[in-house]
Amino acid sequence: MLRAAARALTVSSLNPKVLALADHHLGGLVARRAQLVTVTVNILIVERKKILQADTSMQQELDANPASHPFSEVLALCNHPHLLDRSEASFMFSSDAITRAREIVGFIPGKTTGGYSHCQANSIVSEFRANADKYGNELSSNLTIFDRVHMMMHLLIRGKKDGILCPIPSHSLYTDSMVLRGATLVPYYLDESRGWSVNISDLKKQLDGARAKGIDVRGLVVVNPGNPTGQVLVEENQCEIVELCKNECLVLLADEVYQENIYTDQKKFNSFKKVARSIGYGEGDISLVSFHSVSNGYYGECGRRGGYMEVTGFSSEVRGEVYKVASLSACSNISGQILMSLVMNPPKVGDESYPSYRAERDSILSSLSCCAEAMVSTFNSMEGMTCNKAEGGISVFPSVRLPPRAIEAAEAMNTEPDVFYALRLLESTGIVVVPGSVFGQVPGTWHFRCTILPQEEKTRQIISRFNVFHEAFMEEFRS
């Protein structure tokens, strides 16, 4: 009798750190999210309902108009540089797009976007980044943000006794990257009662508590503007964070990918690099890693896979090691790098394309702001819900006080109450949101993330359906 061939790789023989991704306390809903997708498909097939996606950050996936006019012109010319020498180019493209394309093509090896560039990024990207804060640039490493976050975790984490301070709630990118490397998560909770700000006293308490347990805390992650919480940190709070990192010898990992999406006149975005330099700290005072991307912001060019990681405040020896690890990965595609340079150096007053660029940008940001305001107002009017104002980013993160009977029903299904709520919402309305458990939340509280990317008409549909569902849900499970 023939024996069944043994499989070279089974689930039980996988790296346990990979298996832990679906089970650690922030990522345990990965399987549940797959369940949401399954339910979505069933609804489409059986009930033929129109699904309204309020769970995705990919705005172009939702048919939102990209801010593409001036950017796409430059990309088209760089991808087909022979057009630059055609007489009809001046009739097809704006004059500043032609000038920019000529400049950029001159930086590209072989003058083609199909090749590789240096892993530290194309020179033109580094130049514009250096000018962004007027404080110079040490190292600009161009690849997707996901790759660079994983790279920094590789450099910082040596074993399970190393830890990173991460905000709760937050995107699971940082926590998942830590789990893959066997590090210890040191969570700090954002203060919902104070607009999701960073409570420095609580942060210091978490740091001291981790160190008392023998954890070597290496770095602090700060997301500004927040995701999923949508807050914009005030400069005073940022100064406190910079002071803490300097005094406690922590690497500050600043996720600043939504810096263009600001919806309040009372606050403005300040990079942590600018804040550190403005209070007198130089290169030797604080170690800072800043992340930015073309996937986020009002442009939402996720498919371009362009972004940068800027490293400041490290010795030349450490920077050499950073470069060594960066060299293990190919650079991001050149088109993504071009778009990153265009985002950092957009059309200016006097450029032919400036009016259309400004009109597109303002229209998108105005629509996002209106959608955010409408959602926040709606959620705050619902029974048992509270929602902080969305000051930036692409989402709102309402808190919902679920009735005891709803929590009992969720427990009977062996699922989290917020997942239960999200599933019922989807089944009843076709609206897809992300349960707060995915991002983490104060124990005993329940939230969900609802993105503000949909167009205003879709937002009105979401609000209308949500109102009907929530009223019926609360009545069904009322004690």
Protein backbone atom coordinates (compact mmCIF):
# COMPACT_ATOMS: atom_id res chain seq x y z
CA MET A 1 0.00 0.00 0.00
CA LEU A 2 1.34 3.38 -0.98
CA ARG A 3 1.90 5.80 1.86
CA ALA A 4 0.56 9.30 1.50
CA ALA A 5 3.42 11.66 0.79
CA ALA A 6 4.30 13.83 3.77
CA ARG A 7 3.77 17.52 3.15
CA ALA A 8 6.91 19.60 3.41
CA LEU A 9 4.99 22.41 5.07
CA THR A 10 1.92 22.20 7.27
CA VAL A 11 0.14 24.70 9.47
CA SER A 12 1.66 23.08 12.54
CA SER A 13 5.17 23.45 11.13
CA LEU A 14 4.81 27.10 10.20
CA ASN A 15 6.67 29.81 12.07
CA PRO A 16 4.52 30.26 15.22
CA LYS A 17 4.98 34.02 14.97
CA VAL A 18 3.06 33.94 11.69
CA LEU A 19 0.24 31.95 13.28
CA ALA A 20 0.16 34.45 16.13
CA LEU A 21 -0.87 37.21 13.73
CA ALA A 22 -4.43 35.91 13.70
CA ASP A 23 -4.54 35.39 17.45
CA HIS A 24 -2.80 38.28 19.21
CA HIS A 25 -5.16 40.67 20.93
CA LEU A 26 -5.26 43.25 18.12
CA GLY A 27 -5.10 40.96 15.10
CA GLY A 28 -7.53 38.29 16.24
CA LEU A 29 -10.25 39.65 13.96
CA VAL A 30 -8.40 38.92 10.73
CA ALA A 31 -10.51 35.79 10.33
CA ARG A 32 -13.61 37.76 11.24
CA ARG A 33 -12.89 40.27 8.51
CA ALA A 34 -12.79 37.38 6.06
CA GLN A 35 -16.19 36.42 7.42
CA LEU A 36 -17.45 39.92 6.64
CA VAL A 37 -16.30 39.52 3.04
CA THR A 38 -18.10 36.17 2.78
CA VAL A 39 -21.31 37.72 4.07
CA THR A 40 -20.89 40.58 1.61
CA VAL A 41 -20.68 38.16 -1.31
CA ASN A 42 -23.75 36.29 -0.09
CA ILE A 43 -25.73 39.51 0.13
CA LEU A 44 -24.73 40.50 -3.37
CA ILE A 45 -25.75 37.14 -4.81
CA VAL A 46 -28.86 36.35 -2.79
CA GLU A 47 -30.37 39.73 -1.95
CA ARG A 48 -28.76 41.86 -4.68
CA LYS A 49 -28.22 44.75 -2.27
CA LYS A 50 -25.89 47.56 -3.11
CA ILE A 51 -22.84 47.23 -0.86
CA LEU A 52 -21.59 50.52 0.60
CA GLN A 53 -17.93 50.20 1.54
CA ALA A 54 -17.10 52.33 4.55
CA ASP A 55 -14.17 50.13 5.57
CA THR A 56 -11.54 50.87 2.94
CA SER A 57 -8.94 53.62 2.70
CA MET A 58 -8.53 53.15 -1.05
CA GLN A 59 -10.54 56.09 -2.32
CA GLN A 60 -10.02 55.38 -6.03
CA GLU A 61 -11.50 51.92 -5.49
CA LEU A 62 -14.72 53.72 -4.57
CA ASP A 63 -14.84 55.68 -7.85
CA ALA A 64 -13.72 58.84 -6.10
CA ASN A 65 -12.16 61.32 -8.49
CA PRO A 66 -8.36 61.34 -7.97
CA ALA A 67 -6.40 64.57 -7.92
CA SER A 68 -4.77 63.37 -11.08
CA HIS A 69 -4.77 66.13 -13.69
CA PRO A 70 -1.33 67.73 -13.17
CA PHE A 71 0.19 64.56 -11.72
CA SER A 72 -0.99 62.28 -14.53
CA GLU A 73 0.37 64.66 -17.16
CA VAL A 74 3.87 64.50 -15.71
CA LEU A 75 3.65 60.72 -15.27
CA ALA A 76 2.50 60.27 -18.88
CA LEU A 77 5.43 62.31 -20.17
CA CYS A 78 7.95 60.49 -17.96
CA ASN A 79 6.59 57.09 -18.99
CA HIS A 80 6.84 58.08 -22.67
CA PRO A 81 9.59 60.73 -22.78
CA HIS A 82 9.63 60.81 -26.59
CA LEU A 83 6.47 62.91 -26.31
CA LEU A 84 8.60 65.71 -24.90
CA ASP A 85 10.20 66.19 -28.32
CA ARG A 86 6.90 66.22 -30.22
CA SER A 87 5.61 69.60 -31.38
CA GLU A 88 2.05 68.73 -30.37
CA ALA A 89 3.10 68.19 -26.74
CA SER A 90 2.53 71.87 -25.98
CA PHE A 91 -1.10 71.49 -27.08
CA MET A 92 -1.69 68.31 -25.06
CA PHE A 93 0.12 69.10 -21.81
CA SER A 94 0.54 72.14 -19.59
CA SER A 95 3.84 73.98 -19.88
CA ASP A 96 4.85 73.36 -16.25
CA ALA A 97 4.11 69.63 -16.64
CA ILE A 98 6.48 69.51 -19.60
CA THR A 99 9.15 71.39 -17.65
CA ARG A 100 8.77 69.10 -14.62
CA ALA A 101 8.87 65.98 -16.77
CA ARG A 102 12.09 67.09 -18.48
CA GLU A 103 13.65 67.78 -15.08
CA ILE A 104 12.58 64.43 -13.64
CA VAL A 105 13.60 62.39 -16.69
CA GLY A 106 17.07 63.89 -16.33
CA PHE A 107 17.36 62.25 -12.90
CA ILE A 108 16.18 58.80 -14.01
CA PRO A 109 18.88 56.20 -14.83
CA GLY A 110 18.55 55.36 -18.51
CA LYS A 111 15.73 57.90 -18.76
CA THR A 112 13.14 55.14 -18.45
CA THR A 113 10.62 54.45 -15.69
CA GLY A 114 10.91 50.71 -16.28
CA GLY A 115 14.22 50.30 -14.46
CA TYR A 116 15.49 50.50 -10.89
CA SER A 117 16.84 53.51 -9.08
CA HIS A 118 19.08 53.77 -6.03
CA CYS A 119 17.45 52.20 -2.93
CA GLN A 120 17.90 55.55 -1.15
CA ALA A 121 15.47 57.00 -3.68
CA ASN A 122 15.77 59.10 -6.76
CA SER A 123 17.71 62.31 -6.11
CA ILE A 124 14.75 64.50 -6.97
CA VAL A 125 12.66 62.92 -4.19
CA SER A 126 15.38 63.55 -1.61
CA GLU A 127 15.79 67.14 -2.78
CA PHE A 128 12.12 68.00 -2.37
CA ARG A 129 11.93 66.22 1.02
CA ALA A 130 14.89 68.28 2.25
CA ASN A 131 13.05 71.46 1.31
CA ALA A 132 9.74 70.38 2.89
CA ASP A 133 10.63 71.42 6.45
CA LYS A 134 13.63 73.63 5.61
CA TYR A 135 15.78 71.60 8.01
CA GLY A 136 17.75 69.43 5.60
CA ASN A 137 17.70 65.69 5.02
CA GLU A 138 19.97 62.87 6.16
CA LEU A 139 18.61 59.78 4.44
CA SER A 140 15.53 59.33 2.33
CA SER A 141 14.66 55.72 1.66
CA ASN A 142 12.01 55.24 -0.99
CA LEU A 143 9.71 52.20 -0.88
CA THR A 144 6.23 51.40 0.36
CA ILE A 145 5.52 52.38 3.96
CA PHE A 146 4.72 48.77 4.83
CA ASP A 147 8.19 47.69 3.73
CA ARG A 148 9.95 50.47 5.61
CA VAL A 149 8.01 49.91 8.84
CA HIS A 150 8.94 46.23 8.72
CA MET A 151 12.54 47.24 8.02
CA MET A 152 12.71 49.53 11.05
CA MET A 153 11.23 46.82 13.25
CA HIS A 154 13.97 44.47 11.99
CA LEU A 155 16.57 47.02 13.05
CA LEU A 156 15.05 47.81 16.46
CA ILE A 157 13.86 44.42 17.68
CA ARG A 158 16.38 41.83 18.85
CA GLY A 159 14.08 39.49 20.77
CA LYS A 160 11.04 39.12 23.00
CA LYS A 161 12.57 41.32 25.70
CA ASP A 162 12.50 44.29 23.33
CA GLY A 163 9.33 46.38 23.18
CA ILE A 164 7.79 49.24 21.22
CA LEU A 165 5.23 51.71 22.57
CA CYS A 166 2.24 51.67 20.19
CA PRO A 167 -0.96 53.72 20.33
CA ILE A 168 -4.31 52.07 20.94
CA PRO A 169 -6.39 52.34 18.79
CA SER A 170 -4.12 52.25 15.74
CA HIS A 171 -3.54 50.54 12.42
CA SER A 172 -2.34 46.97 12.96
CA LEU A 173 0.73 47.44 10.71
CA TYR A 174 2.98 48.24 13.67
CA THR A 175 1.63 45.63 16.06
CA ASP A 176 1.61 42.90 13.40
CA SER A 177 5.20 43.73 12.47
CA MET A 178 6.18 43.37 16.13
CA VAL A 179 4.37 40.04 16.46
CA LEU A 180 6.24 38.68 13.42
CA ARG A 181 9.52 39.49 15.17
CA GLY A 182 8.51 38.18 18.56
CA ALA A 183 8.71 41.55 20.29
CA THR A 184 6.63 42.76 23.22
CA LEU A 185 3.87 45.25 22.54
CA VAL A 186 3.80 48.09 25.06
CA PRO A 187 0.40 49.71 24.47
CA TYR A 188 -0.62 53.21 25.42
CA TYR A 189 -4.23 54.29 25.11
CA LEU A 190 -5.14 57.50 23.31
CA ASP A 191 -7.35 59.75 25.44
CA GLU A 192 -10.80 59.65 23.79
CA SER A 193 -12.21 62.18 26.27
CA ARG A 194 -9.61 64.71 25.08
CA GLY A 195 -10.01 64.23 21.35
CA TRP A 196 -7.78 61.14 21.11
CA SER A 197 -4.73 63.08 22.30
CA VAL A 198 -1.60 61.47 23.74
CA ASN A 199 -1.66 61.51 27.54
CA ILE A 200 2.01 61.91 28.47
CA SER A 201 1.47 60.81 32.08
CA ASP A 202 -0.15 57.57 30.92
CA LEU A 203 2.57 57.11 28.30
CA LYS A 204 5.29 57.45 30.96
CA LYS A 205 3.39 55.05 33.23
CA GLN A 206 3.27 52.40 30.49
CA LEU A 207 6.97 52.92 29.75
CA ASP A 208 8.00 52.60 33.40
CA GLY A 209 5.75 49.56 33.88
CA ALA A 210 7.28 47.77 30.91
CA ARG A 211 10.81 48.50 32.08
CA ALA A 212 9.95 47.21 35.56
CA LYS A 213 9.09 43.89 33.89
CA GLY A 214 12.49 43.75 32.21
CA ILE A 215 11.33 44.98 28.79
CA ASP A 216 13.85 47.12 26.90
CA VAL A 217 11.55 49.68 25.27
CA ARG A 218 13.30 50.80 22.07
CA GLY A 219 10.86 53.14 20.35
CA LEU A 220 7.57 55.04 20.34
CA VAL A 221 5.05 54.97 17.47
CA VAL A 222 2.91 58.10 16.99
CA VAL A 223 0.32 58.39 14.21
CA ASN A 224 -0.55 61.97 13.25
CA PRO A 225 -3.15 62.58 11.88
CA GLY A 226 -4.65 59.56 13.59
CA ASN A 227 -5.83 56.35 11.98
CA PRO A 228 -8.58 55.31 12.72
CA THR A 229 -9.20 58.10 15.23
CA GLY A 230 -8.84 61.14 12.95
CA GLN A 231 -7.23 63.51 15.46
CA VAL A 232 -4.57 66.13 14.69
CA LEU A 233 -2.11 66.59 17.53
CA VAL A 234 -1.56 70.11 18.84
CA GLU A 235 2.03 71.35 18.79
CA GLU A 236 2.23 71.41 22.61
CA ASN A 237 1.39 67.70 22.73
CA GLN A 238 4.01 67.01 20.06
CA CYS A 239 6.62 68.93 22.08
CA GLU A 240 5.83 66.75 25.10
CA ILE A 241 6.30 63.62 22.98
CA VAL A 242 9.63 64.87 21.60
CA GLU A 243 10.84 65.70 25.13
CA LEU A 244 9.86 62.23 26.36
CA CYS A 245 11.73 60.50 23.53
CA LYS A 246 14.83 62.62 24.14
CA ASN A 247 14.82 62.11 27.91
CA GLU A 248 14.02 58.38 27.74
CA CYS A 249 16.30 57.62 24.77
CA LEU A 250 13.52 56.32 22.51
CA VAL A 251 13.42 56.24 18.71
CA LEU A 252 10.38 58.25 17.59
CA LEU A 253 8.55 56.53 14.73
CA ALA A 254 6.27 59.19 13.20
CA ASP A 255 3.52 57.99 10.87
CA GLU A 256 2.55 61.16 9.00
CA VAL A 257 0.87 59.71 5.92
CA TYR A 258 -2.36 61.73 6.25
CA GLN A 259 -0.67 65.11 6.69
CA GLU A 260 -2.51 66.65 3.71
CA ASN A 261 -5.96 65.72 5.02
CA ILE A 262 -6.79 68.42 7.59
CA TYR A 263 -10.41 69.48 8.10
CA THR A 264 -10.18 72.05 10.90
CA ASP A 265 -9.12 75.68 10.91
CA GLN A 266 -8.15 75.45 14.59
CA LYS A 267 -5.22 73.11 13.97
CA LYS A 268 -2.53 72.57 11.40
CA PHE A 269 -0.21 69.67 10.69
CA ASN A 270 3.34 69.98 12.01
CA SER A 271 5.88 67.29 11.29
CA PHE A 272 7.74 65.93 14.31
CA LYS A 273 10.99 66.88 12.61
CA LYS A 274 9.87 70.50 12.41
CA VAL A 275 8.68 70.46 16.02
CA ALA A 276 11.97 68.98 17.27
CA ARG A 277 14.07 71.53 15.39
CA SER A 278 11.83 74.45 16.38
CA ILE A 279 12.41 73.79 20.09
CA GLY A 280 16.15 73.65 19.57
CA TYR A 281 16.93 69.95 19.25
CA GLY A 282 19.53 69.13 16.63
CA GLU A 283 20.64 65.93 14.95
CA GLY A 284 22.37 64.57 18.04
CA ASP A 285 19.45 65.12 20.40
CA ILE A 286 16.67 62.87 19.12
CA SER A 287 16.44 59.85 16.80
CA LEU A 288 13.47 60.24 14.47
CA VAL A 289 12.04 58.17 11.62
CA SER A 290 9.28 59.82 9.56
CA PHE A 291 6.97 58.00 7.14
CA HIS A 292 4.94 59.42 4.26
CA SER A 293 3.18 57.87 1.27
CA VAL A 294 1.33 58.66 -1.97
CA SER A 295 -1.21 55.97 -1.05
CA ASN A 296 -2.83 58.24 1.51
CA GLY A 297 -3.83 61.88 1.58
CA TYR A 298 -6.29 63.50 -0.82
CA TYR A 299 -4.47 61.98 -3.83
CA GLY A 300 -5.01 58.35 -2.72
CA GLU A 301 -2.66 56.82 -5.31
CA CYS A 302 -2.44 53.42 -3.57
CA GLY A 303 -1.49 51.51 -6.71
CA ARG A 304 1.60 53.64 -7.34
CA ARG A 305 3.35 52.11 -4.30
CA GLY A 306 5.40 55.22 -3.62
CA GLY A 307 6.53 56.60 -0.29
CA TYR A 308 9.53 57.48 1.79
CA MET A 309 11.11 56.92 5.15
CA GLU A 310 13.32 59.73 6.40
CA VAL A 311 15.89 58.88 9.06
CA THR A 312 17.42 61.65 11.18
CA GLY A 313 19.49 61.75 14.36
CA PHE A 314 21.44 58.52 13.84
CA SER A 315 25.21 58.13 13.74
CA SER A 316 26.94 57.46 10.43
CA GLU A 317 27.58 53.88 11.58
CA VAL A 318 23.89 53.26 12.30
CA ARG A 319 22.87 54.93 9.04
CA GLY A 320 25.21 52.55 7.27
CA GLU A 321 23.38 49.60 8.81
CA VAL A 322 20.01 51.12 7.85
CA TYR A 323 21.26 51.46 4.29
CA LYS A 324 22.52 47.87 4.34
CA VAL A 325 19.10 46.53 5.30
CA ALA A 326 17.40 48.86 2.80
CA SER A 327 19.63 47.45 0.08
CA LEU A 328 18.08 44.01 0.57
CA SER A 329 14.91 45.34 -1.05
CA ALA A 330 14.57 46.77 -4.51
CA CYS A 331 13.46 50.39 -4.66
CA SER A 332 9.84 51.29 -5.20
CA ASN A 333 8.84 51.64 -8.83
CA ILE A 334 10.08 54.85 -10.39
CA SER A 335 6.55 56.00 -11.23
CA GLY A 336 5.76 55.88 -7.51
CA GLN A 337 8.86 57.94 -6.77
CA ILE A 338 7.89 60.49 -9.41
CA LEU A 339 4.45 60.86 -7.89
CA MET A 340 5.99 61.25 -4.43
CA SER A 341 8.12 64.13 -5.73
CA LEU A 342 5.03 65.73 -7.30
CA VAL A 343 3.09 65.47 -4.04
CA MET A 344 5.93 67.19 -2.17
CA ASN A 345 6.38 69.83 -4.87
CA PRO A 346 2.94 70.42 -6.43
CA PRO A 347 2.09 73.13 -8.97
CA LYS A 348 2.54 76.66 -7.67
CA VAL A 349 0.84 79.99 -8.31
CA GLY A 350 1.80 81.08 -11.81
CA ASP A 351 2.06 77.56 -13.21
CA GLU A 352 -0.34 76.79 -16.05
CA SER A 353 -1.70 73.72 -14.25
CA TYR A 354 -2.10 75.44 -10.87
CA PRO A 355 -5.78 76.47 -11.25
CA SER A 356 -6.90 72.94 -12.18
CA TYR A 357 -4.69 71.40 -9.49
CA ARG A 358 -5.99 73.73 -6.78
CA ALA A 359 -9.60 73.23 -7.88
CA GLU A 360 -9.28 69.42 -7.76
CA ARG A 361 -7.47 69.44 -4.43
CA ASP A 362 -9.91 71.84 -2.77
CA SER A 363 -12.91 69.95 -4.15
CA ILE A 364 -11.71 66.61 -2.78
CA LEU A 365 -10.79 68.00 0.65
CA SER A 366 -14.05 69.95 0.86
CA SER A 367 -16.06 66.82 0.03
CA LEU A 368 -14.16 64.79 2.62
CA SER A 369 -14.70 67.49 5.24
CA CYS A 370 -18.44 67.66 4.51
CA CYS A 371 -18.77 63.87 4.66
CA ALA A 372 -16.85 63.76 7.94
CA GLU A 373 -19.00 66.48 9.50
CA ALA A 374 -22.21 64.76 8.38
CA MET A 375 -21.12 61.40 9.78
CA VAL A 376 -19.97 62.82 13.13
CA SER A 377 -23.24 64.74 13.52
CA THR A 378 -25.29 61.65 12.65
CA PHE A 379 -23.45 59.30 15.01
CA ASN A 380 -23.67 61.79 17.88
CA SER A 381 -27.44 61.96 17.38
CA MET A 382 -27.88 58.18 17.67
CA GLU A 383 -28.83 56.45 20.90
CA GLY A 384 -25.79 55.22 22.83
CA MET A 385 -23.23 56.67 20.40
CA THR A 386 -20.57 59.34 20.75
CA CYS A 387 -18.09 60.39 18.09
CA ASN A 388 -15.17 62.81 18.27
CA LYS A 389 -14.76 65.29 15.44
CA ALA A 390 -12.67 64.13 12.50
CA GLU A 391 -9.89 66.73 12.35
CA GLY A 392 -7.85 64.85 9.76
CA GLY A 393 -7.19 61.45 8.21
CA ILE A 394 -9.86 59.44 6.41
CA SER A 395 -12.10 57.98 9.09
CA VAL A 396 -14.31 58.51 12.11
CA PHE A 397 -14.23 56.14 15.08
CA PRO A 398 -17.54 56.26 16.97
CA SER A 399 -18.04 54.65 20.37
CA VAL A 400 -21.23 52.63 20.72
CA ARG A 401 -22.66 51.55 24.07
CA LEU A 402 -24.24 48.22 23.23
CA PRO A 403 -27.20 46.93 25.28
CA PRO A 404 -26.41 44.02 27.65
CA ARG A 405 -28.64 41.70 25.62
CA ALA A 406 -26.62 42.46 22.46
CA ILE A 407 -23.40 41.65 24.31
CA GLU A 408 -24.94 38.38 25.53
CA ALA A 409 -26.02 37.52 21.98
CA ALA A 410 -22.46 38.14 20.75
CA GLU A 411 -21.02 35.94 23.51
CA ALA A 412 -23.46 33.17 22.54
CA MET A 413 -21.99 33.34 19.02
CA ASN A 414 -18.44 33.32 20.47
CA THR A 415 -17.66 36.65 18.87
CA GLU A 416 -16.76 40.15 19.99
CA PRO A 417 -19.74 42.48 20.52
CA ASP A 418 -18.46 45.05 18.01
CA VAL A 419 -18.00 42.32 15.39
CA PHE A 420 -21.54 41.15 16.10
CA TYR A 421 -22.78 44.71 15.58
CA ALA A 422 -20.80 45.09 12.33
CA LEU A 423 -22.11 41.79 10.96
CA ARG A 424 -25.71 42.72 11.76
CA LEU A 425 -25.16 46.11 10.12
CA LEU A 426 -23.80 44.47 6.98
CA GLU A 427 -26.53 41.87 6.77
CA SER A 428 -29.26 44.48 7.26
CA THR A 429 -27.95 47.38 5.21
CA GLY A 430 -25.01 46.32 3.04
CA ILE A 431 -22.76 48.81 4.86
CA VAL A 432 -19.25 47.53 5.60
CA VAL A 433 -17.40 49.01 8.59
CA VAL A 434 -14.38 47.76 10.54
CA PRO A 435 -14.95 46.67 14.18
CA GLY A 436 -12.90 48.57 16.75
CA SER A 437 -11.38 45.30 17.99
CA VAL A 438 -9.17 45.31 14.90
CA PHE A 439 -7.47 48.50 16.10
CA GLY A 440 -7.67 47.95 19.85
CA GLN A 441 -9.80 49.83 22.36
CA VAL A 442 -10.17 50.35 26.09
CA PRO A 443 -11.56 47.08 27.53
CA GLY A 444 -15.32 47.20 27.91
CA THR A 445 -15.78 49.82 25.18
CA TRP A 446 -16.89 49.18 21.61
CA HIS A 447 -16.17 51.15 18.47
CA PHE A 448 -16.11 50.85 14.70
CA ARG A 449 -14.21 52.65 11.98
CA CYS A 450 -16.22 54.28 9.23
CA THR A 451 -14.19 55.85 6.44
CA ILE A 452 -15.17 59.23 5.04
CA LEU A 453 -13.97 58.46 1.53
CA PRO A 454 -17.30 57.85 -0.22
CA GLN A 455 -18.74 60.66 -2.26
CA GLU A 456 -21.36 62.86 -0.62
CA GLU A 457 -24.25 60.98 -2.28
CA LYS A 458 -22.95 57.66 -0.92
CA THR A 459 -22.47 59.28 2.48
CA ARG A 460 -26.12 60.30 2.49
CA GLN A 461 -27.08 56.70 1.66
CA ILE A 462 -24.88 55.38 4.48
CA ILE A 463 -26.39 57.83 6.96
CA SER A 464 -29.95 56.99 5.94
CA ARG A 465 -29.46 53.22 6.18
CA PHE A 466 -27.43 53.51 9.38
CA ASN A 467 -30.15 55.48 11.15
CA VAL A 468 -32.82 52.89 10.35
CA PHE A 469 -30.58 49.96 11.32
CA HIS A 470 -29.32 51.37 14.61
CA GLU A 471 -32.76 52.32 15.84
CA ALA A 472 -34.05 48.81 15.06
CA PHE A 473 -30.96 47.16 16.60
CA MET A 474 -31.24 49.06 19.87
CA GLU A 475 -34.95 48.32 20.09
CA GLU A 476 -34.40 44.59 19.41
CA PHE A 477 -31.87 44.24 22.23
CA ARG A 478 -33.35 46.71 24.67
CA SER A 479 -33.41 45.29 28.20
